[in-house]
């Protein structure tokens, strides 16, 4: 039972890292293209909200 929980926790940590990486890449691309700062900041906020909802969903299913 413990291993399953550990796997889930690892998956969530990994998911957040991947999410942060994606947001980082988008920010970097936006800076390169000279986009307005608001655009990617809002995207990052929305992305984090989606991650939170997904996490709550997975814990709800357990």
PDB file of N, CA and C in Angstrom:
ATOM      1  N   UNK A   1       0.840  -1.205   0.000  1.00  0.00           N
ATOM      2  CA  UNK A   1       0.000   0.000   0.000  1.00  0.00           C
ATOM      3  C   UNK A   1       0.879   1.260   0.000  1.00  0.00           C
ATOM      4  N   UNK A   2       1.936   1.226   0.809  1.00  0.00           N
ATOM      5  CA  UNK A   2       2.825   2.388   0.896  1.00  0.00           C
ATOM      6  C   UNK A   2       3.464   2.755  -0.425  1.00  0.00           C
ATOM      7  N   UNK A   3       3.846   1.721  -1.194  1.00  0.00           N
ATOM      8  CA  UNK A   3       4.523   1.981  -2.476  1.00  0.00           C
ATOM      9  C   UNK A   3       3.612   2.725  -3.440  1.00  0.00           C
ATOM     10  N   UNK A   4       2.329   2.375  -3.453  1.00  0.00           N
ATOM     11  CA  UNK A   4       1.378   3.029  -4.361  1.00  0.00           C
ATOM     12  C   UNK A   4       1.329   4.523  -4.049  1.00  0.00           C
ATOM     13  N   UNK A   5       1.245   4.852  -2.760  1.00  0.00           N
ATOM     14  CA  UNK A   5       1.191   6.254  -2.343  1.00  0.00           C
ATOM     15  C   UNK A   5       2.474   6.968  -2.763  1.00  0.00           C
ATOM     16  N   UNK A   6       3.620   6.303  -2.570  1.00  0.00           N
ATOM     17  CA  UNK A   6       4.902   6.897  -2.954  1.00  0.00           C
ATOM     18  C   UNK A   6       4.942   7.188  -4.454  1.00  0.00           C
ATOM     19  N   UNK A   7       4.437   6.237  -5.251  1.00  0.00           N
ATOM     20  CA  UNK A   7       4.417   6.408  -6.714  1.00  0.00           C
ATOM     21  C   UNK A   7       3.553   7.612  -7.079  1.00  0.00           C
ATOM     22  N   UNK A   8       2.396   7.729  -6.432  1.00  0.00           N
ATOM     23  CA  UNK A   8       1.477   8.838  -6.722  1.00  0.00           C
ATOM     24  C   UNK A   8       2.142  10.167  -6.371  1.00  0.00           C
ATOM     25  N   UNK A   9       2.788  10.220  -5.188  1.00  0.00           N
ATOM     26  CA  UNK A   9       3.454  11.451  -4.757  1.00  0.00           C
ATOM     27  C   UNK A   9       4.563  11.813  -5.744  1.00  0.00           C
ATOM     28  N   UNK A  10       5.343  10.813  -6.144  1.00  0.00           N
ATOM     29  CA  UNK A  10       6.425  11.054  -7.115  1.00  0.00           C
ATOM     30  C   UNK A  10       5.858  11.587  -8.420  1.00  0.00           C
ATOM     31  N   UNK A  11       4.745  11.005  -8.859  1.00  0.00           N
ATOM     32  CA  UNK A  11       4.117  11.422 -10.117  1.00  0.00           C
ATOM     33  C   UNK A  11       3.673  12.878 -10.030  1.00  0.00           C
ATOM     34  N   UNK A  12       3.119  13.270  -8.883  1.00  0.00           N
ATOM     35  CA  UNK A  12       2.654  14.653  -8.707  1.00  0.00           C
ATOM     36  C   UNK A  12       3.845  15.602  -8.733  1.00  0.00           C
ATOM     37  N   UNK A  13       4.924  15.237  -8.017  1.00  0.00           N
ATOM     38  CA  UNK A  13       6.128  16.079  -7.985  1.00  0.00           C
ATOM     39  C   UNK A  13       6.687  16.214  -9.399  1.00  0.00           C
ATOM     40  N   UNK A  14       6.760  15.097 -10.109  1.00  0.00           N
ATOM     41  CA  UNK A  14       7.263  15.096 -11.480  1.00  0.00           C
ATOM     42  C   UNK A  14       6.364  15.963 -12.361  1.00  0.00           C
ATOM     43  N   UNK A  15       5.058  15.812 -12.189  1.00  0.00           N
ATOM     44  CA  UNK A  15       4.092  16.594 -12.961  1.00  0.00           C
ATOM     45  C   UNK A  15       4.283  18.087 -12.766  1.00  0.00           C
ATOM     46  N   UNK A  16       4.504  18.493 -11.512  1.00  0.00           N
ATOM     47  CA  UNK A  16       4.720  19.914 -11.218  1.00  0.00           C
ATOM     48  C   UNK A  16       6.011  20.397 -11.862  1.00  0.00           C
ATOM     49  N   UNK A  17       7.050  19.555 -11.816  1.00  0.00           N
ATOM     50  CA  UNK A  17       8.336  19.929 -12.419  1.00  0.00           C
ATOM     51  C   UNK A  17       8.168  20.118 -13.921  1.00  0.00           C
ATOM     52  N   UNK A  18       7.462  19.192 -14.548  1.00  0.00           N
ATOM     53  CA  UNK A  18       7.223  19.280 -15.994  1.00  0.00           C
ATOM     54  C   UNK A  18       6.417  20.543 -16.291  1.00  0.00           C
ATOM     55  N   UNK A  19       5.395  20.796 -15.478  1.00  0.00           N
ATOM     56  CA  UNK A  19       4.571  21.994 -15.651  1.00  0.00           C
ATOM     57  C   UNK A  19       5.400  23.261 -15.552  1.00  0.00           C
ATOM     58  N   UNK A  20       6.293  23.302 -14.549  1.00  0.00           N
ATOM     59  CA  UNK A  20       7.160  24.472 -14.356  1.00  0.00           C
ATOM     60  C   UNK A  20       8.086  24.645 -15.554  1.00  0.00           C
ATOM     61  N   UNK A  21       8.588  23.522 -16.067  1.00  0.00           N
ATOM     62  CA  UNK A  21       9.488  23.547 -17.222  1.00  0.00           C
ATOM     63  C   UNK A  21       8.752  24.107 -18.442  1.00  0.00           C
ATOM     64  N   UNK A  22       7.530  23.632 -18.655  1.00  0.00           N
ATOM     65  CA  UNK A  22       6.721  24.093 -19.791  1.00  0.00           C
ATOM     66  C   UNK A  22       6.478  25.593 -19.676  1.00  0.00           C
ATOM     67  N   UNK A  23       6.078  26.032 -18.477  1.00  0.00           N
ATOM     68  CA  UNK A  23       5.820  27.460 -18.262  1.00  0.00           C
ATOM     69  C   UNK A  23       7.098  28.257 -18.492  1.00  0.00           C
ATOM     70  N   UNK A  24       8.226  27.719 -17.995  1.00  0.00           N
ATOM     71  CA  UNK A  24       9.518  28.380 -18.188  1.00  0.00           C
ATOM     72  C   UNK A  24       9.856  28.545 -19.661  1.00  0.00           C
ATOM     73  N   UNK A  25       9.630  27.485 -20.430  1.00  0.00           N
ATOM     74  CA  UNK A  25       9.905  27.536 -21.870  1.00  0.00           C
ATOM     75  C   UNK A  25       9.019  28.567 -22.551  1.00  0.00           C
ATOM     76  N   UNK A  26       7.747  28.596 -22.161  1.00  0.00           N
ATOM     77  CA  UNK A  26       6.805  29.546 -22.771  1.00  0.00           C
ATOM     78  C   UNK A  26       7.233  30.975 -22.446  1.00  0.00           C
ATOM     79  N   UNK A  27       7.643  31.203 -21.180  1.00  0.00           N
ATOM     80  CA  UNK A  27       8.099  32.539 -20.776  1.00  0.00           C
ATOM     81  C   UNK A  27       9.314  32.942 -21.603  1.00  0.00           C
ATOM     82  N   UNK A  28      10.258  31.993 -21.747  1.00  0.00           N
ATOM     83  CA  UNK A  28      11.493  32.266 -22.484  1.00  0.00           C
ATOM     84  C   UNK A  28      11.169  32.591 -23.943  1.00  0.00           C
ATOM     85  N   UNK A  29      10.261  31.825 -24.546  1.00  0.00           N
ATOM     86  CA  UNK A  29       9.863  32.072 -25.935  1.00  0.00           C
ATOM     87  C   UNK A  29       9.180  33.424 -26.064  1.00  0.00           C
ATOM     88  N   UNK A  30       8.331  33.762 -25.099  1.00  0.00           N
ATOM     89  CA  UNK A  30       7.635  35.048 -25.134  1.00  0.00           C
ATOM     90  C   UNK A  30       8.637  36.186 -25.066  1.00  0.00           C
ATOM     91  N   UNK A  31       9.651  36.038 -24.210  1.00  0.00           N
ATOM     92  CA  UNK A  31      10.677  37.079 -24.084  1.00  0.00           C
ATOM     93  C   UNK A  31      11.431  37.230 -25.395  1.00  0.00           C
ATOM     94  N   UNK A  32      11.759  36.109 -26.027  1.00  0.00           N
ATOM     95  CA  UNK A  32      12.496  36.138 -27.292  1.00  0.00           C
ATOM     96  C   UNK A  32      11.691  36.873 -28.361  1.00  0.00           C
ATOM     97  N   UNK A  33      10.407  36.599 -28.404  1.00  0.00           N
ATOM     98  CA  UNK A  33       9.560  37.181 -29.437  1.00  0.00           C
ATOM     99  C   UNK A  33       9.136  38.600 -29.086  1.00  0.00           C
ATOM    100  N   UNK A  34       9.442  39.030 -27.850  1.00  0.00           N
ATOM    101  CA  UNK A  34       9.106  40.389 -27.432  1.00  0.00           C
ATOM    102  C   UNK A  34       7.623  40.574 -27.158  1.00  0.00           C
ATOM    103  N   UNK A  35       6.948  39.508 -26.703  1.00  0.00           N
ATOM    104  CA  UNK A  35       5.527  39.633 -26.357  1.00  0.00           C
ATOM    105  C   UNK A  35       5.375  40.456 -25.084  1.00  0.00           C
ATOM    106  N   UNK A  36       4.154  40.906 -24.842  1.00  0.00           N
ATOM    107  CA  UNK A  36       3.886  41.640 -23.607  1.00  0.00           C
ATOM    108  C   UNK A  36       3.979  40.666 -22.433  1.00  0.00           C
ATOM    109  N   UNK A  37       4.446  41.156 -21.290  1.00  0.00           N
ATOM    110  CA  UNK A  37       4.652  40.284 -20.136  1.00  0.00           C
ATOM    111  C   UNK A  37       3.333  39.690 -19.648  1.00  0.00           C
ATOM    112  N   UNK A  38       2.246  40.443 -19.764  1.00  0.00           N
ATOM    113  CA  UNK A  38       0.959  39.978 -19.258  1.00  0.00           C
ATOM    114  C   UNK A  38       0.523  38.665 -19.883  1.00  0.00           C
ATOM    115  N   UNK A  39       0.815  38.482 -21.166  1.00  0.00           N
ATOM    116  CA  UNK A  39       0.359  37.295 -21.890  1.00  0.00           C
ATOM    117  C   UNK A  39       0.823  36.005 -21.271  1.00  0.00           C
ATOM    118  N   UNK A  40       2.142  35.859 -21.088  1.00  0.00           N
ATOM    119  CA  UNK A  40       2.622  34.583 -20.576  1.00  0.00           C
ATOM    120  C   UNK A  40       2.372  34.461 -19.086  1.00  0.00           C
ATOM    121  N   UNK A  41       2.291  35.585 -18.372  1.00  0.00           N
ATOM    122  CA  UNK A  41       2.010  35.516 -16.932  1.00  0.00           C
ATOM    123  C   UNK A  41       0.616  34.932 -16.710  1.00  0.00           C
ATOM    124  N   UNK A  42      -0.362  35.411 -17.481  1.00  0.00           N
ATOM    125  CA  UNK A  42      -1.723  34.883 -17.371  1.00  0.00           C
ATOM    126  C   UNK A  42      -1.759  33.415 -17.751  1.00  0.00           C
ATOM    127  N   UNK A  43      -1.002  33.050 -18.790  1.00  0.00           N
ATOM    128  CA  UNK A  43      -0.975  31.649 -19.204  1.00  0.00           C
ATOM    129  C   UNK A  43      -0.432  30.791 -18.077  1.00  0.00           C
ATOM    130  N   UNK A  44       0.645  31.273 -17.430  1.00  0.00           N
ATOM    131  CA  UNK A  44       1.257  30.520 -16.335  1.00  0.00           C
ATOM    132  C   UNK A  44       0.256  30.350 -15.200  1.00  0.00           C
ATOM    133  N   UNK A  45      -0.473  31.423 -14.878  1.00  0.00           N
ATOM    134  CA  UNK A  45      -1.460  31.349 -13.795  1.00  0.00           C
ATOM    135  C   UNK A  45      -2.538  30.331 -14.138  1.00  0.00           C
ATOM    136  N   UNK A  46      -3.047  30.397 -15.371  1.00  0.00           N
ATOM    137  CA  UNK A  46      -4.085  29.453 -15.796  1.00  0.00           C
ATOM    138  C   UNK A  46      -3.562  28.029 -15.753  1.00  0.00           C
ATOM    139  N   UNK A  47      -2.312  27.835 -16.189  1.00  0.00           N
ATOM    140  CA  UNK A  47      -1.693  26.513 -16.212  1.00  0.00           C
ATOM    141  C   UNK A  47      -1.620  25.953 -14.794  1.00  0.00           C
ATOM    142  N   UNK A  48      -1.228  26.783 -13.823  1.00  0.00           N
ATOM    143  CA  UNK A  48      -1.126  26.337 -12.437  1.00  0.00           C
ATOM    144  C   UNK A  48      -2.508  25.980 -11.900  1.00  0.00           C
ATOM    145  N   UNK A  49      -3.529  26.762 -12.269  1.00  0.00           N
ATOM    146  CA  UNK A  49      -4.889  26.463 -11.824  1.00  0.00           C
ATOM    147  C   UNK A  49      -5.337  25.108 -12.348  1.00  0.00           C
ATOM    148  N   UNK A  50      -5.019  24.815 -13.598  1.00  0.00           N
ATOM    149  CA  UNK A  50      -5.388  23.529 -14.194  1.00  0.00           C
ATOM    150  C   UNK A  50      -4.704  22.402 -13.442  1.00  0.00           C
ATOM    151  N   UNK A  51      -3.397  22.571 -13.134  1.00  0.00           N
ATOM    152  CA  UNK A  51      -2.653  21.543 -12.407  1.00  0.00           C
ATOM    153  C   UNK A  51      -3.316  21.292 -11.057  1.00  0.00           C
ATOM    154  N   UNK A  52      -3.693  22.362 -10.343  1.00  0.00           N
ATOM    155  CA  UNK A  52      -4.315  22.220  -9.027  1.00  0.00           C
ATOM    156  C   UNK A  52      -5.610  21.428  -9.144  1.00  0.00           C
ATOM    157  N   UNK A  53      -6.423  21.751 -10.140  1.00  0.00           N
ATOM    158  CA  UNK A  53      -7.698  21.058 -10.328  1.00  0.00           C
ATOM    159  C   UNK A  53      -7.459  19.583 -10.612  1.00  0.00           C
ATOM    160  N   UNK A  54      -6.455  19.279 -11.452  1.00  0.00           N
ATOM    161  CA  UNK A  54      -6.147  17.886 -11.777  1.00  0.00           C
ATOM    162  C   UNK A  54      -5.704  17.146 -10.525  1.00  0.00           C
ATOM    163  N   UNK A  55      -4.860  17.792  -9.699  1.00  0.00           N
ATOM    164  CA  UNK A  55      -4.363  17.161  -8.476  1.00  0.00           C
ATOM    165  C   UNK A  55      -5.521  16.849  -7.545  1.00  0.00           C
ATOM    166  N   UNK A  56      -6.426  17.816  -7.367  1.00  0.00           N
ATOM    167  CA  UNK A  56      -7.573  17.618  -6.486  1.00  0.00           C
ATOM    168  C   UNK A  56      -8.406  16.457  -7.028  1.00  0.00           C
ATOM    169  N   UNK A  57      -8.544  16.403  -8.349  1.00  0.00           N
ATOM    170  CA  UNK A  57      -9.289  15.316  -8.989  1.00  0.00           C
ATOM    171  C   UNK A  57      -8.685  13.960  -8.680  1.00  0.00           C
ATOM    172  N   UNK A  58      -7.357  13.838  -8.781  1.00  0.00           N
ATOM    173  CA  UNK A  58      -6.713  12.543  -8.540  1.00  0.00           C
ATOM    174  C   UNK A  58      -6.877  12.129  -7.094  1.00  0.00           C
ATOM    175  N   UNK A  59      -6.732  13.095  -6.174  1.00  0.00           N
ATOM    176  CA  UNK A  59      -6.886  12.740  -4.763  1.00  0.00           C
ATOM    177  C   UNK A  59      -8.332  12.359  -4.468  1.00  0.00           C
ATOM    178  N   UNK A  60      -9.272  13.005  -5.166  1.00  0.00           N
ATOM    179  CA  UNK A  60     -10.682  12.688  -4.971  1.00  0.00           C
ATOM    180  C   UNK A  60     -11.004  11.260  -5.374  1.00  0.00           C
ATOM    181  N   UNK A  61     -10.316  10.757  -6.418  1.00  0.00           N
ATOM    182  CA  UNK A  61     -10.586   9.410  -6.919  1.00  0.00           C
ATOM    183  C   UNK A  61     -10.028   8.330  -6.007  1.00  0.00           C
ATOM    184  N   UNK A  62      -9.000   8.650  -5.199  1.00  0.00           N
ATOM    185  CA  UNK A  62      -8.324   7.631  -4.380  1.00  0.00           C
ATOM    186  C   UNK A  62      -9.263   6.944  -3.404  1.00  0.00           C
TER     187      UNK A  62
END
